[in-house]
Amino acid sequence: MNILKVRSVDENDLFALVVLAEEFMPGEAIEEKRIDMLRQALEKPNYELLVAELNGEIVGFIDQWVICDFAHGAKLSYIQNLYVASQHRGKGVGSRLLQEIIKNSKKKGVLEIHAVTGFNNKPAVQLYKKYGLVKESLQLEMEFK
């Protein structure tokens, strides 16, 4: 029987998360840099990272930043990453992760949740829409290398 558990990350999960991050965004960063950035983020009280654990194996993750936005006069959540290992997609893992982030955002008094995904990532767009997120704005980015 498969047991899926969604929980907060702990120090023992770092290597598994780095492996998943490399599958998610290959060649973007070296392992040490990813671990360093992850440790820095985890020190911030407005950062949350959840993992999906299936039978003891980390198979996905979602993270969010909660910020205070003066224009809205409220807290906003920004989902930075949602990733499920390719062999575990279509099994409800992404849904469970997103449900938990939505629940936690409500507890934190968040007004809105924002999520970013690639233009062609139709499964992610469908998942976000399934849980009530709508196409509201355009995100632009500039990369410094």
Protein backbone atom coordinates (compact mmCIF):
# COMPACT_ATOMS: atom_id res chain seq x y z
CA MET A 1 0.00 0.00 0.00
CA ASN A 2 1.31 3.43 -0.99
CA ILE A 3 1.31 6.02 1.78
CA LEU A 4 1.66 9.66 0.71
CA LYS A 5 2.63 12.11 3.42
CA VAL A 6 3.01 15.88 3.00
CA ARG A 7 5.16 17.53 5.65
CA SER A 8 7.57 20.36 6.34
CA VAL A 9 11.10 19.84 5.14
CA ASP A 10 13.84 18.88 7.57
CA GLU A 11 17.63 18.83 7.38
CA ASN A 12 17.66 15.15 6.37
CA ASP A 13 15.73 16.00 3.17
CA LEU A 14 18.30 18.36 1.66
CA PHE A 15 20.11 15.88 -0.57
CA ALA A 16 16.86 14.40 -1.92
CA LEU A 17 15.61 17.92 -2.68
CA VAL A 18 18.80 18.77 -4.54
CA VAL A 19 18.40 15.62 -6.65
CA LEU A 20 14.81 16.61 -7.48
CA ALA A 21 15.86 20.19 -8.21
CA GLU A 22 18.40 18.93 -10.73
CA GLU A 23 15.67 16.91 -12.47
CA PHE A 24 13.42 20.00 -12.36
CA MET A 25 16.01 22.52 -13.56
CA PRO A 26 19.03 20.64 -14.92
CA GLY A 27 22.34 22.46 -14.92
CA GLU A 28 21.00 25.59 -13.20
CA ALA A 29 23.23 25.34 -10.14
CA ILE A 30 25.80 23.14 -8.50
CA GLU A 31 24.74 21.02 -5.54
CA GLU A 32 26.53 23.13 -2.93
CA LYS A 33 24.90 26.34 -4.18
CA ARG A 34 21.44 24.77 -4.06
CA ILE A 35 21.98 23.53 -0.51
CA ASP A 36 23.32 26.94 0.55
CA MET A 37 20.31 28.77 -0.95
CA LEU A 38 17.92 26.27 0.61
CA ARG A 39 19.45 26.68 4.06
CA GLN A 40 19.31 30.48 3.74
CA ALA A 41 15.64 30.37 2.69
CA LEU A 42 14.72 28.01 5.52
CA GLU A 43 16.05 30.55 8.03
CA LYS A 44 13.43 33.08 6.88
CA PRO A 45 10.13 33.05 8.80
CA ASN A 46 8.15 33.95 5.67
CA TYR A 47 9.42 30.93 3.70
CA GLU A 48 7.73 27.54 3.70
CA LEU A 49 8.87 24.35 1.97
CA LEU A 50 6.80 21.19 2.02
CA VAL A 51 7.82 17.79 0.72
CA ALA A 52 5.72 14.89 -0.52
CA GLU A 53 6.99 11.60 0.84
CA LEU A 54 5.78 8.37 -0.71
CA ASN A 55 6.69 5.26 1.27
CA GLY A 56 9.65 7.11 2.77
CA GLU A 57 10.94 8.59 -0.52
CA ILE A 58 10.79 12.33 -1.29
CA VAL A 59 8.89 12.52 -4.60
CA GLY A 60 7.91 16.18 -4.78
CA PHE A 61 8.04 19.60 -3.18
CA ILE A 62 6.34 22.97 -3.10
CA ASP A 63 7.56 26.21 -1.62
CA GLN A 64 6.08 29.60 -0.98
CA TRP A 65 7.08 33.04 0.22
CA VAL A 66 4.54 35.08 2.16
CA ILE A 67 5.09 38.81 1.85
CA CYS A 68 3.41 41.89 3.24
CA ASP A 69 2.15 43.99 0.35
CA PHE A 70 1.33 47.58 1.30
CA ALA A 71 -0.65 48.25 -1.89
CA HIS A 72 -3.05 45.41 -1.07
CA GLY A 73 -2.77 46.09 2.64
CA ALA A 74 -2.45 42.36 3.10
CA LYS A 75 -0.20 39.30 2.97
CA LEU A 76 0.33 37.63 -0.41
CA SER A 77 1.73 34.17 -1.10
CA TYR A 78 4.06 33.44 -3.98
CA ILE A 79 4.50 29.80 -4.91
CA GLN A 80 8.05 29.65 -6.18
CA ASN A 81 8.33 25.98 -7.11
CA LEU A 82 6.03 22.99 -7.39
CA TYR A 83 7.66 19.85 -8.65
CA VAL A 84 6.82 16.15 -8.69
CA ALA A 85 9.30 13.52 -9.87
CA SER A 86 8.37 12.39 -13.37
CA GLN A 87 7.61 8.78 -12.38
CA HIS A 88 5.09 9.97 -9.75
CA ARG A 89 3.07 12.45 -11.81
CA GLY A 90 -0.64 11.93 -12.33
CA LYS A 91 -1.03 10.24 -8.94
CA GLY A 92 -2.30 13.21 -6.93
CA VAL A 93 1.04 14.25 -5.44
CA GLY A 94 0.92 17.77 -6.87
CA SER A 95 -2.67 18.17 -5.72
CA ARG A 96 -1.80 17.18 -2.16
CA LEU A 97 1.12 19.61 -2.07
CA LEU A 98 -0.98 22.46 -3.44
CA GLN A 99 -3.89 21.70 -1.07
CA GLU A 100 -1.53 21.90 1.89
CA ILE A 101 -0.03 25.23 0.77
CA ILE A 102 -3.53 26.66 0.26
CA LYS A 103 -4.56 25.49 3.74
CA ASN A 104 -1.41 26.95 5.30
CA SER A 105 -1.85 30.24 3.43
CA LYS A 106 -5.36 30.60 4.80
CA LYS A 107 -4.08 29.98 8.33
CA LYS A 108 -1.49 32.73 7.81
CA GLY A 109 -4.16 35.21 6.74
CA VAL A 110 -3.01 35.44 3.13
CA LEU A 111 -5.27 37.45 0.77
CA GLU A 112 -4.02 35.99 -2.53
CA ILE A 113 -1.84 33.17 -3.79
CA HIS A 114 0.30 33.77 -6.86
CA ALA A 115 1.95 30.95 -8.79
CA VAL A 116 4.39 30.97 -11.67
CA THR A 117 4.82 28.24 -14.25
CA GLY A 118 6.15 27.93 -17.78
CA PHE A 119 3.92 28.89 -20.71
CA ASN A 120 3.89 25.34 -22.04
CA ASN A 121 3.48 23.53 -18.72
CA LYS A 122 -0.15 22.60 -19.34
CA PRO A 123 -0.41 20.04 -16.49
CA ALA A 124 0.71 22.68 -13.97
CA VAL A 125 -1.68 25.28 -15.39
CA GLN A 126 -4.54 22.75 -15.18
CA LEU A 127 -3.61 21.89 -11.60
CA TYR A 128 -3.55 25.53 -10.51
CA LYS A 129 -6.87 26.22 -12.26
CA LYS A 130 -8.43 23.15 -10.62
CA TYR A 131 -7.76 24.77 -7.24
CA GLY A 132 -9.12 28.17 -8.20
CA LEU A 133 -6.08 30.06 -9.43
CA VAL A 134 -6.80 32.16 -12.52
CA LYS A 135 -4.66 33.80 -15.17
CA GLU A 136 -4.49 37.32 -13.77
CA SER A 137 -1.19 38.88 -14.74
CA LEU A 138 2.03 38.49 -16.65
CA GLN A 139 5.34 37.91 -14.92
CA LEU A 140 8.47 39.24 -16.59
CA GLU A 141 11.99 38.34 -15.60
CA MET A 142 15.57 39.38 -16.22
CA GLU A 143 18.41 36.95 -15.69
CA PHE A 144 21.86 38.03 -14.50
CA LYS A 145 24.74 35.69 -15.29
